[in-house]
Amino acid sequence: MSYVDGYVLPVPKSNIEKYREIATKAGKIWREHGALEYRECVADDVKSGEVTSFPQAVKLKDDETVIFSYIVFESRQHRDEVNAKVMSDPRLNDMMDPKSMPFDGKRMFWGGFSPIVEL
């Protein structure tokens, strides 16, 4: 079974193109270091819920949208190896500075997941 890292974050609508640019660069780096898939998805049909939802989870503001991202790896071990290479890749340095990020990283959340169904 594969392994998946998932991310959810708020991005100001005015920064979508800037976010797309850095996500494209980052995705190429992840793929170069071995990730099987790299996807960045912008909310299209995401509503606030009564109890919980993507907008509520990131404390979405009126001028923002939700990004849902995931990266697929061969296994948890493969993910750890790939991420170690990615995090030491100097091409990411300028993208990792919180002051230059086109979103509020404090409202981003992520985690690693072991699939229970793969079709």
Protein backbone atom coordinates (compact mmCIF):
# COMPACT_ATOMS: atom_id res chain seq x y z
CA MET A 1 0.00 0.00 0.00
CA SER A 2 1.10 3.55 -0.67
CA TYR A 3 1.35 6.41 1.81
CA VAL A 4 -0.21 9.87 1.48
CA ASP A 5 0.65 13.25 2.99
CA GLY A 6 -2.35 15.59 2.99
CA TYR A 7 -2.48 19.36 3.49
CA VAL A 8 -5.28 21.91 3.88
CA LEU A 9 -4.62 25.65 3.93
CA PRO A 10 -6.28 29.01 3.31
CA VAL A 11 -4.99 31.16 0.46
CA PRO A 12 -6.13 34.71 -0.30
CA LYS A 13 -7.91 34.66 -3.65
CA SER A 14 -5.59 37.43 -4.83
CA ASN A 15 -2.60 35.12 -4.20
CA ILE A 16 -3.80 32.02 -6.05
CA GLU A 17 -1.49 32.58 -9.02
CA LYS A 18 1.53 33.20 -6.75
CA TYR A 19 0.61 30.07 -4.78
CA ARG A 20 0.30 28.08 -8.02
CA GLU A 21 3.79 29.20 -9.04
CA ILE A 22 5.48 28.09 -5.81
CA ALA A 23 3.39 24.89 -5.64
CA THR A 24 4.48 24.01 -9.18
CA LYS A 25 8.14 24.52 -8.25
CA ALA A 26 7.73 22.55 -5.01
CA GLY A 27 5.86 19.76 -6.78
CA LYS A 28 8.64 19.35 -9.30
CA ILE A 29 11.14 19.04 -6.46
CA TRP A 30 9.00 16.42 -4.66
CA ARG A 31 8.61 14.43 -7.89
CA GLU A 32 12.32 14.72 -8.66
CA HIS A 33 13.10 13.23 -5.26
CA GLY A 34 10.70 10.32 -5.74
CA ALA A 35 7.10 11.29 -4.91
CA LEU A 36 4.67 9.31 -7.08
CA GLU A 37 1.99 12.02 -7.31
CA TYR A 38 1.74 15.65 -6.30
CA ARG A 39 -1.64 17.42 -6.41
CA GLU A 40 -2.74 20.94 -5.42
CA CYS A 41 -6.49 21.54 -5.59
CA VAL A 42 -8.46 24.76 -5.12
CA ALA A 43 -11.91 24.65 -3.50
CA ASP A 44 -14.74 24.54 -6.00
CA ASP A 45 -17.67 23.08 -4.04
CA VAL A 46 -16.78 23.64 -0.39
CA LYS A 47 -19.34 25.06 2.01
CA SER A 48 -19.21 25.88 5.70
CA GLY A 49 -20.80 23.20 7.80
CA GLU A 50 -22.86 23.38 10.96
CA VAL A 51 -20.27 21.55 13.04
CA THR A 52 -17.10 21.35 10.95
CA SER A 53 -15.86 21.87 7.40
CA PHE A 54 -12.79 22.83 5.42
CA PRO A 55 -13.58 26.57 5.73
CA GLN A 56 -14.07 26.28 9.48
CA ALA A 57 -10.95 24.17 9.93
CA VAL A 58 -8.71 26.90 8.45
CA LYS A 59 -10.73 29.82 9.85
CA LEU A 60 -11.40 30.95 6.28
CA LYS A 61 -11.77 34.70 5.71
CA ASP A 62 -14.09 36.23 3.10
CA ASP A 63 -11.26 37.00 0.69
CA GLU A 64 -9.72 33.50 0.88
CA THR A 65 -10.25 30.06 -0.58
CA VAL A 66 -9.24 26.60 0.59
CA ILE A 67 -6.43 24.58 -0.97
CA PHE A 68 -6.42 20.81 -0.52
CA SER A 69 -3.14 19.12 -1.43
CA TYR A 70 -1.75 15.64 -1.32
CA ILE A 71 1.45 13.80 -2.17
CA VAL A 72 1.57 10.05 -2.79
CA PHE A 73 4.54 7.87 -1.89
CA GLU A 74 5.38 4.15 -2.17
CA SER A 75 5.29 3.69 1.62
CA ARG A 76 5.79 5.51 4.91
CA GLN A 77 9.51 4.76 4.76
CA HIS A 78 9.68 6.08 1.19
CA ARG A 79 7.83 9.23 2.30
CA ASP A 80 10.31 9.82 5.10
CA GLU A 81 13.25 9.36 2.71
CA VAL A 82 11.76 11.64 0.03
CA ASN A 83 10.77 14.34 2.52
CA ALA A 84 14.27 14.34 4.05
CA LYS A 85 15.73 14.98 0.59
CA VAL A 86 13.13 17.63 -0.21
CA MET A 87 13.62 19.50 3.07
CA SER A 88 17.39 19.65 2.49
CA ASP A 89 17.02 20.80 -1.12
CA PRO A 90 18.27 24.42 -1.31
CA ARG A 91 15.73 25.25 -4.04
CA LEU A 92 13.02 25.27 -1.37
CA ASN A 93 14.77 27.77 0.91
CA ASP A 94 13.26 30.91 -0.60
CA MET A 95 9.78 29.32 -0.63
CA MET A 96 9.91 28.31 3.05
CA ASP A 97 10.27 31.80 4.51
CA PRO A 98 6.98 32.54 6.33
CA LYS A 99 7.29 36.23 5.43
CA SER A 100 7.20 35.48 1.69
CA MET A 101 4.54 32.75 1.69
CA PRO A 102 1.32 33.74 -0.11
CA PHE A 103 -0.80 32.25 2.71
CA ASP A 104 -1.04 32.11 6.49
CA GLY A 105 0.97 29.03 7.43
CA LYS A 106 -0.34 29.13 11.00
CA ARG A 107 -3.79 28.07 9.71
CA MET A 108 -2.44 25.24 7.57
CA PHE A 109 -2.80 21.67 8.77
CA TRP A 110 -1.38 18.40 7.50
CA GLY A 111 -0.76 14.78 8.28
CA GLY A 112 0.39 11.42 6.95
CA PHE A 113 -2.14 8.74 6.04
CA SER A 114 -2.04 5.01 5.37
CA PRO A 115 -4.67 4.13 2.75
CA ILE A 116 -7.21 1.49 3.71
CA VAL A 117 -8.68 1.22 0.19
CA GLU A 118 -6.80 1.60 -3.10
CA LEU A 119 -8.68 0.89 -6.32
